[in-house]
Amino acid sequence: MKKLNPSYFEFFFFRYGIIVVFVQIVSISLHIYLKEEDLVYLAIPAILCVLFLLFICSSEYRILRKNLPPANVFLTDNSLIINEVSYSSEQIEEISYMSVRNTLNKFPDYFYEIKTIDGVYFYFLDKRMNWKGESPTMKLLIANPLFSSKTKEKGQSSEGFSAFHKQDKL
């Protein structure tokens, strides 16, 4: 069983964690270069970075949960487990990979849309691309013979959250 969607921490850390790491490297370098003995000058940027990361991640998480509650999806040999409910390959009509702008920021976010045969839509965020620019989730789905024919890529949309179907509540 393989998890297809990233954890929220993983998703937001790879979006904003590089900023925190960069600021920490600069502050440590300046601390060493200026030969400061007072550790307060290292603690202040560290505390500000943690507060920034908590604020930005929690605000984007709230936006995401409000507009499009992402599903928790696992791939088994013959089914998808979506929010702890098993769906066989016969129950899945289509799995679409799409790039959508203007959801959480101006950069594209990559989502998967799963449509069941009874018309219910589930969405989940894609994991971070590998070094070749390929989606690891797409590779897993295409490698699975039951889901490879149901997996397709949609074009890029700039409509934000309005690009998604209204999610049916179960």
N, C-alpha and C. Protein backbone atom coordinates (compact mmCIF):
# COMPACT_ATOMS: atom_id res chain seq x y z
N MET A 1 0.85 -1.16 0.00
CA MET A 1 0.00 0.00 0.00
C MET A 1 0.91 1.24 0.00
N LYS A 2 0.65 2.14 -0.95
CA LYS A 2 1.46 3.35 -1.06
C LYS A 2 0.58 4.59 -0.94
N LYS A 3 1.05 5.52 -0.15
CA LYS A 3 0.31 6.78 0.02
C LYS A 3 0.58 7.66 -1.19
N LEU A 4 -0.48 8.19 -1.79
CA LEU A 4 -0.34 8.99 -3.00
C LEU A 4 -0.24 10.48 -2.72
N ASN A 5 -0.86 10.95 -1.66
CA ASN A 5 -0.82 12.39 -1.37
C ASN A 5 0.23 12.69 -0.30
N PRO A 6 0.82 13.87 -0.36
CA PRO A 6 1.80 14.23 0.68
C PRO A 6 1.09 14.63 1.96
N SER A 7 1.82 14.55 3.06
CA SER A 7 1.27 15.10 4.30
C SER A 7 1.26 16.62 4.17
N TYR A 8 0.44 17.27 4.96
CA TYR A 8 0.39 18.73 4.90
C TYR A 8 1.73 19.34 5.27
N PHE A 9 2.39 18.78 6.27
CA PHE A 9 3.70 19.30 6.66
C PHE A 9 4.68 19.20 5.50
N GLU A 10 4.72 18.06 4.85
CA GLU A 10 5.63 17.86 3.72
C GLU A 10 5.32 18.85 2.60
N PHE A 11 4.05 19.02 2.27
CA PHE A 11 3.66 19.92 1.20
C PHE A 11 4.07 21.36 1.49
N PHE A 12 3.73 21.86 2.68
CA PHE A 12 4.03 23.25 2.99
C PHE A 12 5.52 23.47 3.29
N PHE A 13 6.19 22.46 3.84
CA PHE A 13 7.61 22.64 4.10
C PHE A 13 8.39 22.82 2.80
N PHE A 14 8.06 22.03 1.78
CA PHE A 14 8.78 22.17 0.52
C PHE A 14 8.42 23.44 -0.21
N ARG A 15 7.31 24.06 0.13
CA ARG A 15 6.95 25.35 -0.46
C ARG A 15 7.69 26.50 0.21
N TYR A 16 7.76 26.49 1.54
CA TYR A 16 8.28 27.64 2.28
C TYR A 16 9.50 27.32 3.14
N GLY A 17 9.81 26.09 3.31
CA GLY A 17 10.94 25.71 4.15
C GLY A 17 12.26 26.21 3.61
N ILE A 18 12.38 26.32 2.30
CA ILE A 18 13.62 26.80 1.69
C ILE A 18 13.90 28.25 2.13
N ILE A 19 12.85 29.04 2.33
CA ILE A 19 13.02 30.42 2.79
C ILE A 19 13.60 30.42 4.20
N VAL A 20 13.05 29.56 5.05
CA VAL A 20 13.52 29.47 6.44
C VAL A 20 14.97 29.00 6.47
N VAL A 21 15.28 27.98 5.68
CA VAL A 21 16.66 27.47 5.64
C VAL A 21 17.62 28.56 5.15
N PHE A 22 17.23 29.30 4.12
CA PHE A 22 18.08 30.37 3.59
C PHE A 22 18.33 31.45 4.64
N VAL A 23 17.28 31.88 5.33
CA VAL A 23 17.43 32.91 6.36
C VAL A 23 18.33 32.42 7.48
N GLN A 24 18.19 31.16 7.87
CA GLN A 24 19.03 30.61 8.93
C GLN A 24 20.50 30.54 8.50
N ILE A 25 20.75 30.14 7.28
CA ILE A 25 22.14 30.09 6.79
C ILE A 25 22.75 31.49 6.77
N VAL A 26 21.99 32.47 6.31
CA VAL A 26 22.50 33.85 6.27
C VAL A 26 22.76 34.35 7.69
N SER A 27 21.84 34.10 8.63
CA SER A 27 22.03 34.61 9.99
C SER A 27 23.21 33.91 10.68
N ILE A 28 23.38 32.63 10.45
CA ILE A 28 24.54 31.92 11.03
C ILE A 28 25.84 32.42 10.41
N SER A 29 25.83 32.64 9.09
CA SER A 29 27.03 33.16 8.42
C SER A 29 27.40 34.55 8.94
N LEU A 30 26.40 35.41 9.09
CA LEU A 30 26.67 36.74 9.63
C LEU A 30 27.16 36.67 11.07
N HIS A 31 26.61 35.76 11.84
CA HIS A 31 27.03 35.58 13.23
C HIS A 31 28.51 35.16 13.29
N ILE A 32 28.89 34.26 12.42
CA ILE A 32 30.29 33.81 12.39
C ILE A 32 31.20 34.91 11.84
N TYR A 33 30.77 35.56 10.76
CA TYR A 33 31.58 36.59 10.12
C TYR A 33 31.80 37.79 11.04
N LEU A 34 30.78 38.21 11.76
CA LEU A 34 30.90 39.36 12.65
C LEU A 34 31.47 38.98 14.02
N LYS A 35 31.68 37.71 14.24
CA LYS A 35 32.25 37.18 15.49
C LYS A 35 31.46 37.64 16.70
N GLU A 36 30.15 37.54 16.57
CA GLU A 36 29.26 37.89 17.68
C GLU A 36 29.27 36.77 18.71
N GLU A 37 29.28 37.15 19.96
CA GLU A 37 29.23 36.16 21.03
C GLU A 37 27.82 36.05 21.61
N ASP A 38 27.01 37.04 21.37
CA ASP A 38 25.65 37.05 21.90
C ASP A 38 24.75 36.18 21.00
N LEU A 39 24.17 35.14 21.58
CA LEU A 39 23.33 34.21 20.81
C LEU A 39 21.93 34.75 20.54
N VAL A 40 21.61 35.89 21.10
CA VAL A 40 20.30 36.50 20.86
C VAL A 40 20.13 36.81 19.37
N TYR A 41 21.24 37.20 18.74
CA TYR A 41 21.18 37.54 17.32
C TYR A 41 20.93 36.31 16.45
N LEU A 42 21.17 35.13 16.97
CA LEU A 42 20.80 33.90 16.26
C LEU A 42 19.39 33.46 16.63
N ALA A 43 18.99 33.71 17.85
CA ALA A 43 17.68 33.25 18.32
C ALA A 43 16.54 34.06 17.70
N ILE A 44 16.73 35.36 17.53
CA ILE A 44 15.65 36.21 17.00
C ILE A 44 15.26 35.79 15.58
N PRO A 45 16.21 35.65 14.63
CA PRO A 45 15.79 35.19 13.30
C PRO A 45 15.19 33.78 13.31
N ALA A 46 15.68 32.92 14.18
CA ALA A 46 15.12 31.56 14.25
C ALA A 46 13.67 31.60 14.72
N ILE A 47 13.40 32.39 15.74
CA ILE A 47 12.03 32.50 16.25
C ILE A 47 11.12 33.15 15.20
N LEU A 48 11.60 34.19 14.54
CA LEU A 48 10.81 34.84 13.49
C LEU A 48 10.53 33.90 12.32
N CYS A 49 11.50 33.09 11.97
CA CYS A 49 11.32 32.12 10.88
C CYS A 49 10.27 31.07 11.24
N VAL A 50 10.34 30.57 12.46
CA VAL A 50 9.35 29.58 12.90
C VAL A 50 7.96 30.19 12.93
N LEU A 51 7.84 31.41 13.42
CA LEU A 51 6.54 32.08 13.45
C LEU A 51 6.01 32.33 12.03
N PHE A 52 6.91 32.75 11.13
CA PHE A 52 6.52 32.94 9.73
C PHE A 52 6.02 31.64 9.13
N LEU A 53 6.76 30.57 9.34
CA LEU A 53 6.39 29.27 8.77
C LEU A 53 5.04 28.80 9.34
N LEU A 54 4.85 28.95 10.63
CA LEU A 54 3.58 28.55 11.24
C LEU A 54 2.42 29.39 10.71
N PHE A 55 2.62 30.69 10.60
CA PHE A 55 1.55 31.57 10.13
C PHE A 55 1.18 31.28 8.68
N ILE A 56 2.15 31.24 7.80
CA ILE A 56 1.85 31.07 6.38
C ILE A 56 1.29 29.69 6.09
N CYS A 57 1.82 28.67 6.76
CA CYS A 57 1.33 27.31 6.53
C CYS A 57 -0.08 27.13 7.08
N SER A 58 -0.34 27.67 8.25
CA SER A 58 -1.69 27.52 8.81
C SER A 58 -2.71 28.31 8.01
N SER A 59 -2.35 29.48 7.50
CA SER A 59 -3.31 30.25 6.71
C SER A 59 -3.61 29.55 5.38
N GLU A 60 -2.60 29.00 4.73
CA GLU A 60 -2.84 28.28 3.48
C GLU A 60 -3.59 26.97 3.73
N TYR A 61 -3.31 26.33 4.85
CA TYR A 61 -4.03 25.12 5.20
C TYR A 61 -5.52 25.41 5.38
N ARG A 62 -5.85 26.52 6.06
CA ARG A 62 -7.25 26.89 6.24
C ARG A 62 -7.92 27.21 4.91
N ILE A 63 -7.22 27.88 4.01
CA ILE A 63 -7.76 28.18 2.68
C ILE A 63 -8.05 26.88 1.94
N LEU A 64 -7.11 25.96 2.00
CA LEU A 64 -7.26 24.69 1.31
C LEU A 64 -8.43 23.88 1.89
N ARG A 65 -8.50 23.78 3.20
CA ARG A 65 -9.58 23.01 3.83
C ARG A 65 -10.95 23.65 3.58
N LYS A 66 -11.01 24.97 3.52
CA LYS A 66 -12.27 25.66 3.31
C LYS A 66 -12.77 25.46 1.88
N ASN A 67 -11.89 25.58 0.90
CA ASN A 67 -12.30 25.55 -0.50
C ASN A 67 -12.29 24.16 -1.13
N LEU A 68 -11.44 23.29 -0.67
CA LEU A 68 -11.31 21.98 -1.31
C LEU A 68 -10.68 21.00 -0.33
N PRO A 69 -11.47 20.37 0.52
CA PRO A 69 -10.88 19.44 1.48
C PRO A 69 -10.20 18.28 0.76
N PRO A 70 -8.88 18.19 0.83
CA PRO A 70 -8.18 17.13 0.11
C PRO A 70 -8.41 15.77 0.75
N ALA A 71 -8.49 14.77 -0.11
CA ALA A 71 -8.69 13.39 0.34
C ALA A 71 -7.36 12.76 0.72
N ASN A 72 -7.44 11.76 1.55
CA ASN A 72 -6.28 10.97 1.92
C ASN A 72 -6.35 9.69 1.09
N VAL A 73 -5.38 9.46 0.19
CA VAL A 73 -5.49 8.39 -0.80
C VAL A 73 -4.30 7.44 -0.72
N PHE A 74 -4.63 6.14 -0.71
CA PHE A 74 -3.63 5.08 -0.73
C PHE A 74 -3.90 4.19 -1.93
N LEU A 75 -2.84 3.71 -2.56
CA LEU A 75 -2.94 2.80 -3.70
C LEU A 75 -2.54 1.40 -3.25
N THR A 76 -3.44 0.44 -3.47
CA THR A 76 -3.13 -0.97 -3.23
C THR A 76 -3.02 -1.65 -4.59
N ASP A 77 -2.84 -2.93 -4.60
CA ASP A 77 -2.69 -3.65 -5.87
C ASP A 77 -3.93 -3.57 -6.75
N ASN A 78 -5.12 -3.59 -6.15
CA ASN A 78 -6.34 -3.62 -6.96
C ASN A 78 -7.38 -2.58 -6.56
N SER A 79 -7.03 -1.62 -5.73
CA SER A 79 -8.02 -0.61 -5.31
C SER A 79 -7.33 0.67 -4.85
N LEU A 80 -8.15 1.69 -4.69
CA LEU A 80 -7.71 2.93 -4.06
C LEU A 80 -8.46 3.05 -2.74
N ILE A 81 -7.77 3.40 -1.71
CA ILE A 81 -8.41 3.65 -0.42
C ILE A 81 -8.46 5.17 -0.26
N ILE A 82 -9.68 5.70 -0.33
CA ILE A 82 -9.89 7.14 -0.28
C ILE A 82 -10.64 7.46 1.01
N ASN A 83 -10.01 8.23 1.87
CA ASN A 83 -10.59 8.59 3.17
C ASN A 83 -11.10 7.35 3.91
N GLU A 84 -10.26 6.33 3.93
CA GLU A 84 -10.50 5.07 4.64
C GLU A 84 -11.62 4.21 4.06
N VAL A 85 -12.06 4.51 2.83
CA VAL A 85 -13.06 3.70 2.13
C VAL A 85 -12.39 3.12 0.89
N SER A 86 -12.51 1.82 0.70
CA SER A 86 -11.87 1.15 -0.43
C SER A 86 -12.75 1.25 -1.68
N TYR A 87 -12.13 1.66 -2.80
CA TYR A 87 -12.79 1.74 -4.09
C TYR A 87 -12.02 0.84 -5.06
N SER A 88 -12.71 -0.15 -5.61
CA SER A 88 -12.06 -1.04 -6.58
C SER A 88 -11.85 -0.27 -7.88
N SER A 89 -11.08 -0.83 -8.78
CA SER A 89 -10.81 -0.16 -10.05
C SER A 89 -12.09 -0.01 -10.88
N GLU A 90 -13.05 -0.91 -10.68
CA GLU A 90 -14.32 -0.81 -11.40
C GLU A 90 -15.15 0.37 -10.92
N GLN A 91 -14.96 0.80 -9.69
CA GLN A 91 -15.71 1.92 -9.13
C GLN A 91 -15.11 3.27 -9.49
N ILE A 92 -13.90 3.27 -10.01
CA ILE A 92 -13.21 4.51 -10.40
C ILE A 92 -13.42 4.73 -11.88
N GLU A 93 -14.00 5.87 -12.23
CA GLU A 93 -14.22 6.18 -13.64
C GLU A 93 -12.99 6.84 -14.26
N GLU A 94 -12.39 7.80 -13.53
CA GLU A 94 -11.29 8.57 -14.11
C GLU A 94 -10.42 9.17 -13.01
N ILE A 95 -9.13 9.22 -13.28
CA ILE A 95 -8.18 9.89 -12.40
C ILE A 95 -7.46 10.93 -13.26
N SER A 96 -7.66 12.20 -12.93
CA SER A 96 -7.10 13.29 -13.74
C SER A 96 -6.04 14.05 -12.96
N TYR A 97 -4.94 14.31 -13.65
CA TYR A 97 -3.85 15.11 -13.10
C TYR A 97 -3.99 16.50 -13.68
N MET A 98 -4.02 17.54 -12.83
CA MET A 98 -4.19 18.89 -13.34
C MET A 98 -3.35 19.90 -12.58
N SER A 99 -2.94 20.89 -13.32
CA SER A 99 -2.20 22.02 -12.77
C SER A 99 -3.17 23.19 -12.69
N VAL A 100 -3.27 23.78 -11.51
CA VAL A 100 -4.22 24.87 -11.31
C VAL A 100 -3.49 26.06 -10.68
N ARG A 101 -3.64 27.22 -11.30
CA ARG A 101 -3.07 28.46 -10.76
C ARG A 101 -4.12 29.17 -9.91
N ASN A 102 -3.65 30.08 -9.09
CA ASN A 102 -4.51 30.95 -8.27
C ASN A 102 -5.32 30.17 -7.24
N THR A 103 -4.77 29.11 -6.70
CA THR A 103 -5.44 28.43 -5.59
C THR A 103 -4.85 28.92 -4.28
N LEU A 104 -3.59 28.61 -4.04
CA LEU A 104 -2.95 29.04 -2.80
C LEU A 104 -2.00 30.21 -3.01
N ASN A 105 -1.56 30.41 -4.24
CA ASN A 105 -0.71 31.54 -4.59
C ASN A 105 -0.71 31.66 -6.11
N LYS A 106 0.16 32.43 -6.67
CA LYS A 106 0.15 32.63 -8.12
C LYS A 106 0.87 31.51 -8.87
N PHE A 107 1.56 30.65 -8.17
CA PHE A 107 2.25 29.55 -8.80
C PHE A 107 1.31 28.37 -8.95
N PRO A 108 1.55 27.50 -9.90
CA PRO A 108 0.63 26.35 -10.06
C PRO A 108 0.75 25.36 -8.91
N ASP A 109 -0.38 24.82 -8.54
CA ASP A 109 -0.45 23.71 -7.60
C ASP A 109 -0.94 22.51 -8.40
N TYR A 110 -0.45 21.35 -8.07
CA TYR A 110 -0.78 20.15 -8.82
C TYR A 110 -1.72 19.27 -8.01
N PHE A 111 -2.88 19.00 -8.58
CA PHE A 111 -3.91 18.22 -7.92
C PHE A 111 -4.26 16.99 -8.75
N TYR A 112 -4.83 16.02 -8.08
CA TYR A 112 -5.44 14.88 -8.75
C TYR A 112 -6.92 14.92 -8.45
N GLU A 113 -7.71 14.63 -9.47
CA GLU A 113 -9.15 14.55 -9.34
C GLU A 113 -9.55 13.10 -9.61
N ILE A 114 -10.22 12.49 -8.66
CA ILE A 114 -10.70 11.12 -8.83
C ILE A 114 -12.22 11.19 -8.95
N LYS A 115 -12.72 10.65 -10.04
CA LYS A 115 -14.17 10.62 -10.26
C LYS A 115 -14.62 9.17 -10.18
N THR A 116 -15.59 8.91 -9.31
CA THR A 116 -16.13 7.55 -9.19
C THR A 116 -17.29 7.39 -10.18
N ILE A 117 -17.72 6.15 -10.38
CA ILE A 117 -18.79 5.90 -11.35
C ILE A 117 -20.13 6.47 -10.88
N ASP A 118 -20.27 6.71 -9.58
CA ASP A 118 -21.52 7.31 -9.10
C ASP A 118 -21.44 8.84 -9.03
N GLY A 119 -20.43 9.44 -9.65
CA GLY A 119 -20.35 10.89 -9.79
C GLY A 119 -19.73 11.65 -8.64
N VAL A 120 -19.10 10.98 -7.69
CA VAL A 120 -18.46 11.64 -6.56
C VAL A 120 -17.03 11.99 -6.95
N TYR A 121 -16.61 13.21 -6.63
CA TYR A 121 -15.26 13.67 -6.93
C TYR A 121 -14.45 13.75 -5.64
N PHE A 122 -13.20 13.31 -5.73
CA PHE A 122 -12.24 13.46 -4.64
C PHE A 122 -11.02 14.16 -5.21
N TYR A 123 -10.40 15.00 -4.39
CA TYR A 123 -9.20 15.73 -4.82
C TYR A 123 -8.09 15.52 -3.80
N PHE A 124 -6.87 15.48 -4.32
CA PHE A 124 -5.72 15.45 -3.42
C PHE A 124 -4.54 16.13 -4.08
N LEU A 125 -3.67 16.66 -3.26
CA LEU A 125 -2.46 17.34 -3.74
C LEU A 125 -1.45 16.32 -4.23
N ASP A 126 -0.69 16.71 -5.23
CA ASP A 126 0.38 15.86 -5.73
C ASP A 126 1.63 16.02 -4.88
N LYS A 127 2.41 14.97 -4.83
CA LYS A 127 3.71 15.06 -4.15
C LYS A 127 4.64 15.93 -4.97
N ARG A 128 5.72 16.31 -4.38
CA ARG A 128 6.71 17.16 -5.04
C ARG A 128 7.35 16.39 -6.20
N MET A 129 7.60 17.10 -7.28
CA MET A 129 8.19 16.49 -8.49
C MET A 129 9.58 15.95 -8.19
N ASN A 130 9.96 14.91 -8.93
CA ASN A 130 11.32 14.40 -8.79
C ASN A 130 12.28 15.29 -9.57
N TRP A 131 13.53 14.95 -9.59
CA TRP A 131 14.53 15.83 -10.21
C TRP A 131 14.36 15.92 -11.72
N LYS A 132 13.62 14.98 -12.33
CA LYS A 132 13.35 15.02 -13.77
C LYS A 132 12.09 15.81 -14.10
N GLY A 133 11.41 16.33 -13.08
CA GLY A 133 10.18 17.07 -13.29
C GLY A 133 8.97 16.18 -13.49
N GLU A 134 9.05 14.95 -13.03
CA GLU A 134 7.95 13.99 -13.16
C GLU A 134 7.22 13.82 -11.84
N SER A 135 5.95 13.54 -11.92
CA SER A 135 5.15 13.31 -10.74
C SER A 135 5.32 11.86 -10.28
N PRO A 136 5.76 11.65 -9.02
CA PRO A 136 5.89 10.27 -8.54
C PRO A 136 4.54 9.57 -8.42
N THR A 137 3.49 10.32 -8.16
CA THR A 137 2.16 9.74 -8.08
C THR A 137 1.70 9.27 -9.45
N MET A 138 1.94 10.06 -10.48
CA MET A 138 1.58 9.68 -11.84
C MET A 138 2.32 8.42 -12.26
N LYS A 139 3.58 8.31 -11.89
CA LYS A 139 4.35 7.11 -12.23
C LYS A 139 3.75 5.87 -11.58
N LEU A 140 3.32 6.00 -10.32
CA LEU A 140 2.70 4.87 -9.63
C LEU A 140 1.38 4.46 -10.28
N LEU A 141 0.58 5.45 -10.64
CA LEU A 141 -0.72 5.15 -11.23
C LEU A 141 -0.59 4.53 -12.62
N ILE A 142 0.34 5.02 -13.41
CA ILE A 142 0.53 4.47 -14.76
C ILE A 142 1.15 3.08 -14.70
N ALA A 143 1.96 2.83 -13.69
CA ALA A 143 2.57 1.50 -13.55
C ALA A 143 1.56 0.44 -13.10
N ASN A 144 0.46 0.87 -12.51
CA ASN A 144 -0.57 -0.07 -12.07
C ASN A 144 -1.48 -0.40 -13.26
N PRO A 145 -1.56 -1.67 -13.68
CA PRO A 145 -2.34 -2.00 -14.88
C PRO A 145 -3.84 -1.71 -14.76
N LEU A 146 -4.38 -1.72 -13.55
CA LEU A 146 -5.81 -1.46 -13.37
C LEU A 146 -6.16 0.02 -13.49
N PHE A 147 -5.22 0.90 -13.17
CA PHE A 147 -5.51 2.33 -13.17
C PHE A 147 -4.83 3.10 -14.29
N SER A 148 -3.93 2.46 -15.03
CA SER A 148 -3.20 3.18 -16.07
C SER A 148 -4.12 3.69 -17.18
N SER A 149 -5.13 2.93 -17.55
CA SER A 149 -6.05 3.37 -18.61
C SER A 149 -7.02 4.44 -18.12
N LYS A 150 -7.18 4.59 -16.81
CA LYS A 150 -8.11 5.56 -16.25
C LYS A 150 -7.43 6.86 -15.88
N THR A 151 -6.11 6.91 -16.00
CA THR A 151 -5.34 8.07 -15.59
C THR A 151 -5.04 8.94 -16.81
N LYS A 152 -5.34 10.23 -16.70
CA LYS A 152 -5.05 11.16 -17.79
C LYS A 152 -4.61 12.50 -17.23
N GLU A 153 -4.06 13.32 -18.08
CA GLU A 153 -3.59 14.64 -17.66
C GLU A 153 -4.48 15.71 -18.28
N LYS A 154 -5.00 16.60 -17.45
CA LYS A 154 -5.80 17.72 -17.93
C LYS A 154 -4.89 18.91 -18.16
N GLY A 155 -5.35 19.87 -18.92
CA GLY A 155 -4.57 21.07 -19.15
C GLY A 155 -4.50 21.95 -17.92
N GLN A 156 -3.69 22.98 -18.03
CA GLN A 156 -3.53 23.92 -16.92
C GLN A 156 -4.70 24.88 -16.88
N SER A 157 -5.15 25.21 -15.68
CA SER A 157 -6.25 26.13 -15.49
C SER A 157 -5.78 27.29 -14.62
N SER A 158 -6.31 28.47 -14.87
CA SER A 158 -5.98 29.62 -14.03
C SER A 158 -7.19 30.09 -13.24
N GLU A 159 -8.20 29.24 -13.13
CA GLU A 159 -9.45 29.62 -12.49
C GLU A 159 -9.44 29.46 -10.98
N GLY A 160 -8.37 28.99 -10.38
CA GLY A 160 -8.32 28.79 -8.95
C GLY A 160 -9.25 27.67 -8.52
N PHE A 161 -9.84 27.80 -7.34
CA PHE A 161 -10.69 26.75 -6.81
C PHE A 161 -11.97 26.55 -7.63
N SER A 162 -12.35 27.52 -8.45
CA SER A 162 -13.55 27.35 -9.27
C SER A 162 -13.33 26.35 -10.39
N ALA A 163 -12.09 25.92 -10.63
CA ALA A 163 -11.81 24.92 -11.66
C ALA A 163 -12.26 23.53 -11.23
N PHE A 164 -12.54 23.35 -9.94
CA PHE A 164 -12.91 22.05 -9.43
C PHE A 164 -14.42 21.89 -9.40
N HIS A 165 -14.87 20.65 -9.54
CA HIS A 165 -16.28 20.36 -9.39
C HIS A 165 -16.67 20.54 -7.92
N LYS A 166 -17.89 20.78 -7.69
CA LYS A 166 -18.37 20.87 -6.31
C LYS A 166 -18.23 19.49 -5.70
N GLN A 167 -17.49 19.40 -4.61
CA GLN A 167 -17.23 18.10 -3.99
C GLN A 167 -18.50 17.62 -3.28
N ASP A 168 -18.93 16.43 -3.62
CA ASP A 168 -20.10 15.84 -2.97
C ASP A 168 -19.72 15.37 -1.59
N LYS A 169 -20.58 15.62 -0.64
CA LYS A 169 -20.35 15.19 0.73
C LYS A 169 -20.95 13.81 0.90
N LEU A 170 -20.21 12.92 1.50
CA LEU A 170 -20.72 11.56 1.72
C LEU A 170 -21.34 11.47 3.09
